[in-house]
Amino acid sequence: MITFVTKPFVILKAKKPVTSAMKHLLFFIFILFGAVGVALGCACTRELKPVCARLGRKYRTFPNKCMLQAENKCHGGAYRFVRDGDCVRR
């Protein structure tokens, strides 16, 4: 038996309109979290210079050395740099 949904999805409507003050508050929070990430050293460029790192027996390729360092510093990782380039089994 095939059942078809005949009613469209319900879109929730806010009881109060979004005010300019709310927009400014959300923007401020967005900027604040971005600044915290930069201050902690968690912001990296999108430069593609792959590096290989390992955590125990697990190998992982990071897009660049900054992303490896950010993983360790900002996400509690303990990866160790192995070599420049992708992690490839040899």
N, C-alpha and C. Protein backbone atom coordinates (compact mmCIF):
# COMPACT_ATOMS: atom_id res chain seq x y z
N MET A 1 0.84 -1.18 0.00
CA MET A 1 0.00 0.00 0.00
C MET A 1 0.89 1.24 0.00
N ILE A 2 0.60 2.17 -0.87
CA ILE A 2 1.36 3.41 -0.97
C ILE A 2 0.51 4.54 -0.43
N THR A 3 1.10 5.35 0.43
CA THR A 3 0.39 6.48 1.02
C THR A 3 1.01 7.77 0.50
N PHE A 4 0.19 8.67 0.05
CA PHE A 4 0.67 9.96 -0.42
C PHE A 4 0.31 11.03 0.59
N VAL A 5 1.24 11.92 0.80
CA VAL A 5 0.99 13.05 1.70
C VAL A 5 0.33 14.13 0.88
N THR A 6 -0.84 14.52 1.29
CA THR A 6 -1.58 15.53 0.52
C THR A 6 -1.43 16.94 1.07
N LYS A 7 -1.05 17.05 2.33
CA LYS A 7 -0.90 18.38 2.93
C LYS A 7 0.55 18.84 2.78
N PRO A 8 0.75 20.10 2.40
CA PRO A 8 2.13 20.60 2.31
C PRO A 8 2.72 20.76 3.71
N PHE A 9 4.04 20.86 3.75
CA PHE A 9 4.71 21.05 5.02
C PHE A 9 4.24 22.34 5.67
N VAL A 10 4.09 22.31 6.96
CA VAL A 10 3.65 23.48 7.71
C VAL A 10 4.87 24.33 8.02
N ILE A 11 4.79 25.59 7.70
CA ILE A 11 5.88 26.51 8.01
C ILE A 11 5.51 27.22 9.31
N LEU A 12 6.40 27.12 10.28
CA LEU A 12 6.14 27.76 11.57
C LEU A 12 6.27 29.27 11.42
N LYS A 13 5.34 29.97 11.98
CA LYS A 13 5.38 31.42 11.93
C LYS A 13 5.66 31.95 13.32
N ALA A 14 6.53 32.94 13.39
CA ALA A 14 6.84 33.56 14.67
C ALA A 14 5.66 34.42 15.11
N LYS A 15 5.41 34.41 16.40
CA LYS A 15 4.30 35.22 16.92
C LYS A 15 4.66 36.70 16.89
N LYS A 16 5.96 36.99 17.09
CA LYS A 16 6.41 38.37 17.06
C LYS A 16 7.35 38.53 15.86
N PRO A 17 7.26 39.65 15.18
CA PRO A 17 8.18 39.86 14.05
C PRO A 17 9.61 40.05 14.55
N VAL A 18 10.55 39.68 13.71
CA VAL A 18 11.96 39.86 14.05
C VAL A 18 12.27 41.35 13.97
N THR A 19 12.73 41.88 15.07
CA THR A 19 13.01 43.32 15.12
C THR A 19 14.44 43.60 14.71
N SER A 20 14.70 44.86 14.50
CA SER A 20 16.05 45.29 14.15
C SER A 20 17.03 44.98 15.29
N ALA A 21 16.56 45.12 16.52
CA ALA A 21 17.42 44.84 17.68
C ALA A 21 17.82 43.36 17.70
N MET A 22 16.88 42.49 17.37
CA MET A 22 17.19 41.05 17.33
C MET A 22 18.22 40.75 16.24
N LYS A 23 18.06 41.39 15.09
CA LYS A 23 19.01 41.19 14.00
C LYS A 23 20.40 41.64 14.42
N HIS A 24 20.48 42.79 15.08
CA HIS A 24 21.77 43.29 15.54
C HIS A 24 22.39 42.36 16.58
N LEU A 25 21.58 41.82 17.46
CA LEU A 25 22.07 40.90 18.48
C LEU A 25 22.62 39.63 17.83
N LEU A 26 21.91 39.07 16.88
CA LEU A 26 22.39 37.87 16.19
C LEU A 26 23.69 38.15 15.44
N PHE A 27 23.77 39.31 14.80
CA PHE A 27 24.99 39.69 14.09
C PHE A 27 26.16 39.81 15.06
N PHE A 28 25.93 40.45 16.21
CA PHE A 28 26.97 40.60 17.23
C PHE A 28 27.46 39.24 17.72
N ILE A 29 26.54 38.32 17.98
CA ILE A 29 26.91 36.98 18.45
C ILE A 29 27.73 36.27 17.39
N PHE A 30 27.33 36.39 16.13
CA PHE A 30 28.06 35.77 15.02
C PHE A 30 29.49 36.31 14.96
N ILE A 31 29.65 37.62 15.05
CA ILE A 31 30.98 38.25 15.02
C ILE A 31 31.80 37.83 16.24
N LEU A 32 31.17 37.78 17.40
CA LEU A 32 31.87 37.41 18.63
C LEU A 32 32.46 36.00 18.53
N PHE A 33 31.66 35.04 18.08
CA PHE A 33 32.17 33.67 17.95
C PHE A 33 33.27 33.58 16.91
N GLY A 34 33.17 34.36 15.85
CA GLY A 34 34.23 34.39 14.85
C GLY A 34 35.52 34.94 15.43
N ALA A 35 35.41 36.00 16.24
CA ALA A 35 36.59 36.60 16.86
C ALA A 35 37.24 35.64 17.85
N VAL A 36 36.43 34.89 18.58
CA VAL A 36 36.97 33.92 19.53
C VAL A 36 37.75 32.85 18.78
N GLY A 37 37.23 32.38 17.66
CA GLY A 37 37.93 31.38 16.86
C GLY A 37 39.26 31.89 16.36
N VAL A 38 39.31 33.13 15.92
CA VAL A 38 40.57 33.72 15.46
C VAL A 38 41.54 33.89 16.62
N ALA A 39 41.05 34.34 17.77
CA ALA A 39 41.91 34.55 18.93
C ALA A 39 42.51 33.24 19.43
N LEU A 40 41.77 32.17 19.34
CA LEU A 40 42.29 30.87 19.80
C LEU A 40 43.23 30.23 18.79
N GLY A 41 43.31 30.80 17.60
CA GLY A 41 44.16 30.21 16.57
C GLY A 41 43.46 29.10 15.82
N CYS A 42 42.15 29.13 15.79
CA CYS A 42 41.38 28.07 15.13
C CYS A 42 40.99 28.44 13.70
N ALA A 43 41.30 29.63 13.27
CA ALA A 43 40.94 30.06 11.92
C ALA A 43 42.11 29.80 10.98
N CYS A 44 41.84 29.16 9.88
CA CYS A 44 42.89 28.82 8.91
C CYS A 44 42.47 29.25 7.51
N THR A 45 43.46 29.40 6.65
CA THR A 45 43.18 29.67 5.24
C THR A 45 42.74 28.37 4.58
N ARG A 46 42.23 28.48 3.38
CA ARG A 46 41.78 27.30 2.65
C ARG A 46 42.87 26.80 1.70
N GLU A 47 44.10 27.18 1.96
CA GLU A 47 45.24 26.77 1.14
C GLU A 47 45.33 25.24 1.13
N LEU A 48 45.55 24.67 -0.04
CA LEU A 48 45.62 23.23 -0.16
C LEU A 48 47.07 22.78 -0.29
N LYS A 49 47.67 22.42 0.84
CA LYS A 49 49.00 21.83 0.93
C LYS A 49 48.88 20.67 1.90
N PRO A 50 48.38 19.52 1.43
CA PRO A 50 48.06 18.41 2.34
C PRO A 50 49.23 17.97 3.21
N VAL A 51 48.90 17.59 4.43
CA VAL A 51 49.87 17.01 5.35
C VAL A 51 49.27 15.75 5.95
N CYS A 52 50.13 14.82 6.27
CA CYS A 52 49.71 13.56 6.87
C CYS A 52 50.03 13.61 8.36
N ALA A 53 49.08 13.16 9.17
CA ALA A 53 49.27 13.11 10.62
C ALA A 53 48.71 11.80 11.13
N ARG A 54 49.13 11.44 12.34
CA ARG A 54 48.61 10.19 12.90
C ARG A 54 48.20 10.38 14.34
N LEU A 55 47.25 9.56 14.74
CA LEU A 55 46.77 9.49 16.12
C LEU A 55 46.78 8.01 16.45
N GLY A 56 47.83 7.59 17.16
CA GLY A 56 48.00 6.16 17.40
C GLY A 56 48.29 5.46 16.09
N ARG A 57 47.42 4.53 15.70
CA ARG A 57 47.59 3.82 14.42
C ARG A 57 46.73 4.41 13.31
N LYS A 58 45.95 5.42 13.64
CA LYS A 58 45.04 6.03 12.67
C LYS A 58 45.75 7.19 11.96
N TYR A 59 45.78 7.13 10.63
CA TYR A 59 46.38 8.19 9.83
C TYR A 59 45.27 9.05 9.23
N ARG A 60 45.54 10.34 9.11
CA ARG A 60 44.55 11.26 8.56
C ARG A 60 45.25 12.35 7.77
N THR A 61 44.69 12.67 6.61
CA THR A 61 45.22 13.76 5.79
C THR A 61 44.46 15.04 6.12
N PHE A 62 45.20 16.10 6.40
CA PHE A 62 44.62 17.42 6.65
C PHE A 62 44.91 18.30 5.44
N PRO A 63 44.04 19.26 5.13
CA PRO A 63 44.25 20.12 3.96
C PRO A 63 45.55 20.93 4.04
N ASN A 64 45.95 21.31 5.25
CA ASN A 64 47.21 22.04 5.44
C ASN A 64 47.63 21.93 6.90
N LYS A 65 48.82 22.42 7.20
CA LYS A 65 49.37 22.29 8.55
C LYS A 65 48.55 23.08 9.58
N CYS A 66 48.01 24.21 9.16
CA CYS A 66 47.19 25.01 10.07
C CYS A 66 45.96 24.24 10.53
N MET A 67 45.34 23.52 9.61
CA MET A 67 44.15 22.73 9.97
C MET A 67 44.51 21.61 10.94
N LEU A 68 45.68 21.04 10.80
CA LEU A 68 46.17 20.03 11.75
C LEU A 68 46.33 20.65 13.13
N GLN A 69 46.98 21.80 13.18
CA GLN A 69 47.20 22.47 14.46
C GLN A 69 45.88 22.92 15.09
N ALA A 70 44.94 23.38 14.27
CA ALA A 70 43.63 23.79 14.78
C ALA A 70 42.87 22.60 15.35
N GLU A 71 42.96 21.45 14.71
CA GLU A 71 42.31 20.23 15.21
C GLU A 71 42.83 19.90 16.60
N ASN A 72 44.14 19.99 16.77
CA ASN A 72 44.74 19.67 18.07
C ASN A 72 44.41 20.72 19.12
N LYS A 73 44.48 21.99 18.76
CA LYS A 73 44.31 23.06 19.73
C LYS A 73 42.84 23.33 20.07
N CYS A 74 41.99 23.30 19.08
CA CYS A 74 40.60 23.73 19.28
C CYS A 74 39.61 22.60 19.43
N HIS A 75 40.00 21.39 19.05
CA HIS A 75 39.07 20.27 19.11
C HIS A 75 39.60 19.12 19.96
N GLY A 76 40.68 19.37 20.69
CA GLY A 76 41.20 18.38 21.62
C GLY A 76 41.87 17.19 20.97
N GLY A 77 42.31 17.35 19.74
CA GLY A 77 43.00 16.25 19.06
C GLY A 77 44.43 16.11 19.56
N ALA A 78 45.02 14.98 19.26
CA ALA A 78 46.42 14.74 19.64
C ALA A 78 47.18 14.18 18.44
N TYR A 79 46.84 14.67 17.25
CA TYR A 79 47.49 14.19 16.03
C TYR A 79 48.93 14.67 15.99
N ARG A 80 49.80 13.82 15.46
CA ARG A 80 51.22 14.17 15.28
C ARG A 80 51.54 14.22 13.79
N PHE A 81 52.26 15.26 13.40
CA PHE A 81 52.66 15.44 12.01
C PHE A 81 53.56 14.28 11.59
N VAL A 82 53.29 13.71 10.42
CA VAL A 82 54.10 12.61 9.89
C VAL A 82 54.95 13.10 8.73
N ARG A 83 54.28 13.69 7.71
CA ARG A 83 55.01 14.17 6.53
C ARG A 83 54.11 15.09 5.71
N ASP A 84 54.73 15.83 4.82
CA ASP A 84 53.97 16.63 3.86
C ASP A 84 53.35 15.68 2.84
N GLY A 85 52.17 16.03 2.36
CA GLY A 85 51.48 15.21 1.37
C GLY A 85 50.41 14.34 2.00
N ASP A 86 49.65 13.68 1.13
CA ASP A 86 48.56 12.80 1.59
C ASP A 86 49.09 11.59 2.34
N CYS A 87 48.25 11.05 3.20
CA CYS A 87 48.55 9.79 3.87
C CYS A 87 48.18 8.67 2.89
N VAL A 88 49.17 7.96 2.41
CA VAL A 88 48.93 6.88 1.47
C VAL A 88 49.63 5.64 2.00
N ARG A 89 48.92 4.52 1.97
CA ARG A 89 49.57 3.28 2.40
C ARG A 89 50.60 2.87 1.36
N ARG A 90 51.79 2.58 1.82
CA ARG A 90 52.87 2.21 0.89
C ARG A 90 53.23 0.78 1.05
